[in-house]
Protein backbone atom coordinates (compact mmCIF):
# COMPACT_ATOMS: atom_id res chain seq x y z
CA MET A 1 13.79 -36.47 -14.20
CA ASN A 2 10.32 -35.82 -15.60
CA ILE A 3 9.18 -32.29 -14.78
CA LEU A 4 5.88 -30.55 -15.41
CA VAL A 5 6.10 -26.75 -15.69
CA MET A 6 2.85 -24.80 -15.50
CA ALA A 7 3.75 -22.02 -17.90
CA GLY A 8 2.26 -18.97 -19.61
CA THR A 9 4.55 -16.32 -18.10
CA SER A 10 7.97 -14.86 -18.90
CA ASP A 11 9.17 -16.49 -15.67
CA ALA A 12 8.12 -19.92 -16.94
CA ARG A 13 10.02 -19.40 -20.19
CA LYS A 14 13.19 -18.63 -18.23
CA ILE A 15 12.69 -21.71 -16.06
CA ILE A 16 12.15 -23.96 -19.09
CA LYS A 17 15.26 -22.55 -20.80
CA GLU A 18 17.33 -23.14 -17.65
CA LEU A 19 16.01 -26.66 -17.13
CA SER A 20 16.53 -27.59 -20.79
CA SER A 21 20.23 -26.81 -20.39
CA ARG A 22 20.55 -29.44 -17.65
CA LYS A 23 21.22 -33.15 -18.23
CA ASN A 24 18.68 -35.95 -17.86
CA VAL A 25 15.66 -33.64 -17.68
CA ASN A 26 12.43 -34.13 -19.62
CA ILE A 27 10.16 -31.07 -19.58
CA MET A 28 6.41 -31.19 -20.08
CA ALA A 29 4.64 -27.82 -19.94
CA THR A 30 1.08 -26.57 -19.77
CA ALA A 31 -0.21 -23.27 -21.17
CA THR A 32 -3.67 -21.74 -21.41
CA THR A 33 -3.31 -20.16 -24.88
CA ASN A 34 -1.88 -21.05 -28.27
CA HIS A 35 0.58 -18.17 -27.88
CA GLY A 36 1.73 -19.53 -24.51
CA THR A 37 2.07 -22.99 -26.02
CA GLU A 38 4.33 -21.70 -28.80
CA LEU A 39 6.49 -19.77 -26.33
CA ALA A 40 6.90 -22.77 -24.01
CA ARG A 41 7.87 -25.00 -26.92
CA SER A 42 10.36 -22.47 -28.32
CA SER A 43 11.88 -22.13 -24.84
CA GLY A 44 12.80 -25.82 -24.83
CA ALA A 45 9.83 -27.80 -23.53
CA ASP A 46 9.78 -31.36 -24.85
CA GLY A 47 5.99 -31.35 -24.91
CA VAL A 48 3.23 -28.80 -24.28
CA LEU A 49 -0.42 -29.31 -23.37
CA GLU A 50 -2.79 -26.42 -23.99
CA GLY A 51 -5.80 -25.79 -21.78
CA ARG A 52 -7.08 -24.86 -18.34
CA PHE A 53 -6.77 -27.97 -16.20
CA ASN A 54 -8.47 -28.65 -12.87
CA SER A 55 -6.73 -30.65 -10.13
CA GLU A 56 -8.04 -34.01 -11.36
CA GLU A 57 -6.90 -33.32 -14.92
CA LEU A 58 -3.47 -32.19 -13.73
CA ALA A 59 -3.14 -35.32 -11.62
CA GLU A 60 -3.99 -37.43 -14.68
CA ILE A 61 -1.41 -35.58 -16.79
CA MET A 62 1.26 -36.11 -14.15
CA ASN A 63 0.38 -39.76 -13.71
CA ASP A 64 0.39 -40.44 -17.47
CA ASN A 65 3.77 -38.73 -17.89
CA GLN A 66 5.34 -40.13 -14.72
CA VAL A 67 6.01 -36.60 -13.46
CA GLU A 68 8.34 -36.43 -10.46
CA LEU A 69 8.28 -32.67 -9.95
CA LEU A 70 5.67 -29.97 -10.61
CA ILE A 71 6.90 -26.40 -11.00
CA ASP A 72 4.13 -23.81 -10.77
CA ALA A 73 5.26 -20.72 -12.68
CA THR A 74 1.79 -19.33 -13.37
CA HIS A 75 0.92 -15.65 -12.98
CA PRO A 76 0.71 -14.26 -9.41
CA PHE A 77 -3.01 -13.63 -9.99
CA ALA A 78 -3.73 -17.16 -11.26
CA SER A 79 -4.67 -18.30 -7.76
CA ALA A 80 -7.08 -21.00 -8.95
CA ALA A 81 -4.34 -22.60 -11.07
CA THR A 82 -1.97 -22.60 -8.10
CA ARG A 83 -4.55 -24.23 -5.82
CA ASN A 84 -5.24 -26.88 -8.46
CA ALA A 85 -1.53 -27.57 -8.83
CA ILE A 86 -1.03 -27.95 -5.08
CA LEU A 87 -4.01 -30.30 -4.74
CA ALA A 88 -2.90 -32.44 -7.69
CA SER A 89 0.67 -32.73 -6.40
CA GLU A 90 -0.54 -33.63 -2.91
CA THR A 91 -2.90 -36.25 -4.33
CA LEU A 92 -0.04 -38.00 -6.16
CA ARG A 93 2.60 -37.12 -3.55
CA VAL A 94 4.64 -35.37 -6.22
CA THR A 95 7.05 -32.62 -5.16
CA TYR A 96 5.58 -29.14 -5.72
CA ALA A 97 7.66 -25.97 -6.19
CA ARG A 98 6.29 -22.49 -6.73
CA PHE A 99 8.08 -19.67 -8.56
CA GLU A 100 6.81 -16.40 -7.13
CA ARG A 101 8.17 -13.39 -8.95
CA PRO A 102 9.42 -10.63 -6.60
CA SER A 103 6.69 -8.17 -5.71
CA THR A 104 6.81 -4.43 -6.33
CA GLU A 105 7.06 -2.11 -3.34
CA ILE A 106 4.20 0.33 -3.85
CA PRO A 107 5.19 3.93 -3.00
CA ASP A 108 3.29 5.87 -0.37
CA ASN A 109 1.53 8.44 -2.53
CA GLY A 110 -1.93 9.98 -2.40
CA LEU A 111 -2.46 9.28 -6.11
CA ILE A 112 -2.03 5.52 -5.60
CA TYR A 113 -5.04 3.48 -4.51
CA PRO A 114 -4.11 -0.08 -3.47
CA VAL A 115 -7.16 -2.38 -3.46
CA LYS A 116 -7.71 -6.07 -2.74
CA SER A 117 -9.91 -7.05 -5.67
CA PHE A 118 -10.84 -6.09 -9.23
CA LYS A 119 -14.39 -5.48 -8.06
CA ASP A 120 -13.10 -2.90 -5.56
CA ALA A 121 -10.90 -1.43 -8.29
CA ALA A 122 -13.88 -0.90 -10.61
CA VAL A 123 -15.84 0.86 -7.87
CA THR A 124 -12.85 3.09 -7.11
CA VAL A 125 -12.45 3.96 -10.80
CA LYS A 126 -16.12 4.92 -11.02
CA GLY A 127 -15.80 7.16 -7.97
CA ILE A 128 -12.77 9.00 -9.35
CA LEU A 129 -14.37 9.51 -12.77
CA ASN A 130 -17.52 10.90 -11.14
CA GLN A 131 -15.38 13.41 -9.22
CA ASN A 132 -13.82 14.52 -12.51
CA GLN A 133 -17.15 15.56 -14.05
CA ASN A 134 -16.96 19.22 -15.04
CA ASP A 135 -20.18 21.24 -15.11
CA ASP A 136 -18.65 23.59 -17.69
CA PHE A 137 -18.53 20.77 -20.25
CA SER A 138 -21.39 19.08 -22.04
CA GLU A 139 -22.23 15.48 -21.24
CA GLU A 140 -20.55 14.41 -24.48
CA GLU A 141 -17.38 16.38 -23.65
CA ASN A 142 -17.22 14.91 -20.15
CA HIS A 143 -17.69 11.47 -21.64
CA SER A 144 -14.81 11.83 -24.11
CA ARG A 145 -12.45 13.40 -21.57
CA ASN A 146 -13.17 11.00 -18.68
CA LYS A 147 -11.29 7.87 -19.73
CA VAL A 148 -9.65 5.05 -17.81
CA LEU A 149 -6.63 3.10 -19.05
CA HIS A 150 -7.00 -0.58 -18.20
CA LEU A 151 -3.62 -2.31 -17.84
CA ALA A 152 -4.67 -5.41 -15.93
CA GLY A 153 -5.24 -8.11 -18.54
CA VAL A 154 -8.24 -8.81 -20.74
CA ASN A 155 -9.66 -11.45 -18.39
CA THR A 156 -10.30 -8.81 -15.70
CA LEU A 157 -11.87 -6.29 -18.06
CA HIS A 158 -15.44 -7.41 -17.32
CA TYR A 159 -15.24 -6.00 -13.79
CA LEU A 160 -14.84 -2.54 -15.31
CA THR A 161 -17.31 -2.84 -18.19
CA SER A 162 -20.02 -3.93 -15.75
CA THR A 163 -19.42 -0.80 -13.64
CA ILE A 164 -18.80 2.03 -16.14
CA SER A 165 -19.57 2.61 -19.80
CA PRO A 166 -17.21 0.64 -22.09
CA ASP A 167 -16.86 3.81 -24.18
CA LYS A 168 -14.80 5.30 -21.33
CA ILE A 169 -12.33 2.40 -21.26
CA VAL A 170 -9.05 2.20 -23.15
CA ALA A 171 -7.76 -1.37 -22.93
CA ARG A 172 -4.16 -2.37 -23.60
CA VAL A 173 -4.15 -6.09 -24.30
CA LEU A 174 -1.98 -8.74 -25.92
CA PRO A 175 -2.06 -8.70 -29.75
CA MET A 176 -4.07 -11.92 -29.97
CA VAL A 177 -7.42 -12.71 -31.58
CA TYR A 178 -8.76 -13.92 -28.22
CA SER A 179 -7.93 -10.61 -26.49
CA ILE A 180 -9.31 -8.34 -29.20
CA LYS A 181 -12.44 -10.45 -29.59
CA LYS A 182 -13.00 -10.34 -25.82
CA CYS A 183 -12.70 -6.53 -25.81
CA LEU A 184 -15.23 -6.17 -28.61
CA GLU A 185 -17.64 -8.60 -26.94
CA LEU A 186 -17.48 -6.46 -23.78
CA GLY A 187 -18.34 -3.33 -25.77
CA ILE A 188 -14.92 -1.66 -25.93
CA PRO A 189 -14.86 0.52 -29.09
CA HIS A 190 -12.29 -0.70 -31.62
CA TYR A 191 -10.49 2.67 -31.47
CA ASN A 192 -9.96 2.19 -27.71
CA ILE A 193 -8.18 -1.15 -28.08
CA VAL A 194 -4.37 -1.01 -27.94
CA ALA A 195 -2.91 -4.41 -28.84
CA MET A 196 0.73 -4.66 -27.74
CA GLU A 197 3.01 -7.15 -26.03
CA GLY A 198 5.84 -6.44 -23.61
CA THR A 199 6.75 -4.16 -20.76
CA PHE A 200 7.23 -0.51 -21.59
CA SER A 201 9.08 2.48 -20.20
CA PRO A 202 7.38 5.16 -18.09
CA GLU A 203 7.92 7.55 -21.01
CA PHE A 204 6.10 5.27 -23.46
CA ASN A 205 3.27 4.62 -21.03
CA GLY A 206 3.03 8.36 -20.46
CA VAL A 207 2.66 9.07 -24.19
CA LEU A 208 -0.19 6.57 -24.33
CA MET A 209 -1.91 8.23 -21.36
CA LYS A 210 -1.57 11.67 -22.94
CA GLU A 211 -2.79 10.52 -26.35
CA PHE A 212 -6.00 9.05 -24.94
CA GLN A 213 -6.53 11.84 -22.38
CA ILE A 214 -6.52 9.32 -19.54
CA LYS A 215 -7.89 10.49 -16.17
CA VAL A 216 -7.35 7.29 -14.16
CA VAL A 217 -5.26 4.12 -14.59
CA LEU A 218 -6.09 0.60 -13.42
CA THR A 219 -3.33 -1.97 -13.10
CA LYS A 220 -2.27 -4.88 -10.91
CA GLU A 221 0.80 -5.67 -8.85
CA SER A 222 2.54 -8.06 -11.24
CA GLY A 223 6.12 -7.39 -10.18
CA GLN A 224 9.01 -6.02 -12.19
CA SER A 225 8.57 -8.51 -15.04
CA GLY A 226 4.99 -7.27 -15.36
CA GLY A 227 6.13 -3.64 -15.64
CA THR A 228 4.14 -2.55 -12.57
CA MET A 229 6.39 0.27 -11.44
CA SER A 230 6.73 1.70 -14.96
CA LYS A 231 2.93 2.04 -15.18
CA ILE A 232 2.73 3.60 -11.73
CA GLN A 233 5.59 6.02 -12.43
CA ALA A 234 4.02 7.19 -15.69
CA SER A 235 0.76 7.88 -13.86
CA LEU A 236 2.48 9.83 -11.09
CA ASP A 237 4.53 11.85 -13.58
CA LEU A 238 1.28 13.03 -15.17
CA ASN A 239 -0.57 13.47 -11.87
CA ILE A 240 -3.03 10.72 -12.80
CA PRO A 241 -4.61 8.57 -10.06
CA VAL A 242 -3.67 4.89 -10.36
CA ILE A 243 -5.56 1.98 -8.82
CA VAL A 244 -3.35 -1.03 -8.07
CA VAL A 245 -4.95 -4.42 -7.39
CA MET A 246 -2.70 -6.23 -4.92
CA ARG A 247 -1.81 -9.90 -5.26
CA PRO A 248 -4.17 -12.46 -3.78
CA GLU A 249 -2.92 -14.33 -0.74
CA ILE A 250 -2.88 -18.10 -1.26
CA ALA A 251 -3.04 -19.87 2.07
CA GLU A 252 -2.25 -23.25 0.47
CA LEU A 253 1.31 -22.06 -0.25
CA GLN A 254 2.16 -22.15 3.44
CA GLY A 255 4.91 -24.72 4.01
CA LYS A 256 5.55 -25.21 0.27
CA LEU A 257 8.79 -24.72 -1.64
CA VAL A 258 8.65 -21.13 -2.93
CA PHE A 259 11.42 -19.44 -4.92
CA ASP A 260 11.92 -15.98 -6.43
CA ASP A 261 15.11 -16.77 -8.37
CA VAL A 262 15.10 -19.02 -11.44
CA LYS A 263 18.62 -20.45 -11.06
CA VAL A 264 18.22 -21.08 -7.35
CA LEU A 265 14.94 -22.92 -8.02
CA CYS A 266 16.49 -25.11 -10.72
CA ASP A 267 19.59 -25.88 -8.66
CA LYS A 268 17.53 -26.80 -5.59
CA VAL A 269 14.96 -29.07 -7.26
CA LEU A 270 17.61 -30.93 -9.24
CA GLU A 271 19.86 -31.66 -6.26
């Protein structure tokens, strides 16, 4: 069976590894970055295409490679990619399956601000920082003490830099040239860029928040594999407000095959 896996996440790597262990399976993958391409290939993909593909381009890829099944394992916030995948699969009448990582149950706590968009998140951050202004400090002291820790991916950083001064933003991003370059282009000072990959413990996240004197945290609901609860717990432990952007709802997924377990997905689609 020829399968196309839309990759770029830890979930996709697990799916590719599982599929590559099965017989008579040829795996083509797509990824949006060179790093994602390398990870997909090392996970067992027979071929990887790098780029951001619209529905027509995806349909062409599937047609050229005689794809019989499309597995969408993109990030929960990559709604445009999911819509493109659904449209392409419907156009060619190719079976579509979505892997949706389990969501995080957000605790009921006054320090947690769930919002529906990154634009709303930026406005909320600005409001909290304004409340933290202390008349006993100089403008420069308030500026240095009033910092936000951005833990929501470099491609959402512009919502924040267009709302508050980039000097107030500490951005944790992937250790890639693209990410660091993007931060600098948006005006983030080099000393406020933390380039790291992985999910981290609440204790580690807490040390980072203390070190940079963070007053508010911005993250997104990316599930357990995205380390969402660890970031929230670190914020609560330090009595720091945390804004959580909730996952977008994708109406096009209604009636589609959706799985939250890698093995179950692979067993089902290969029946």
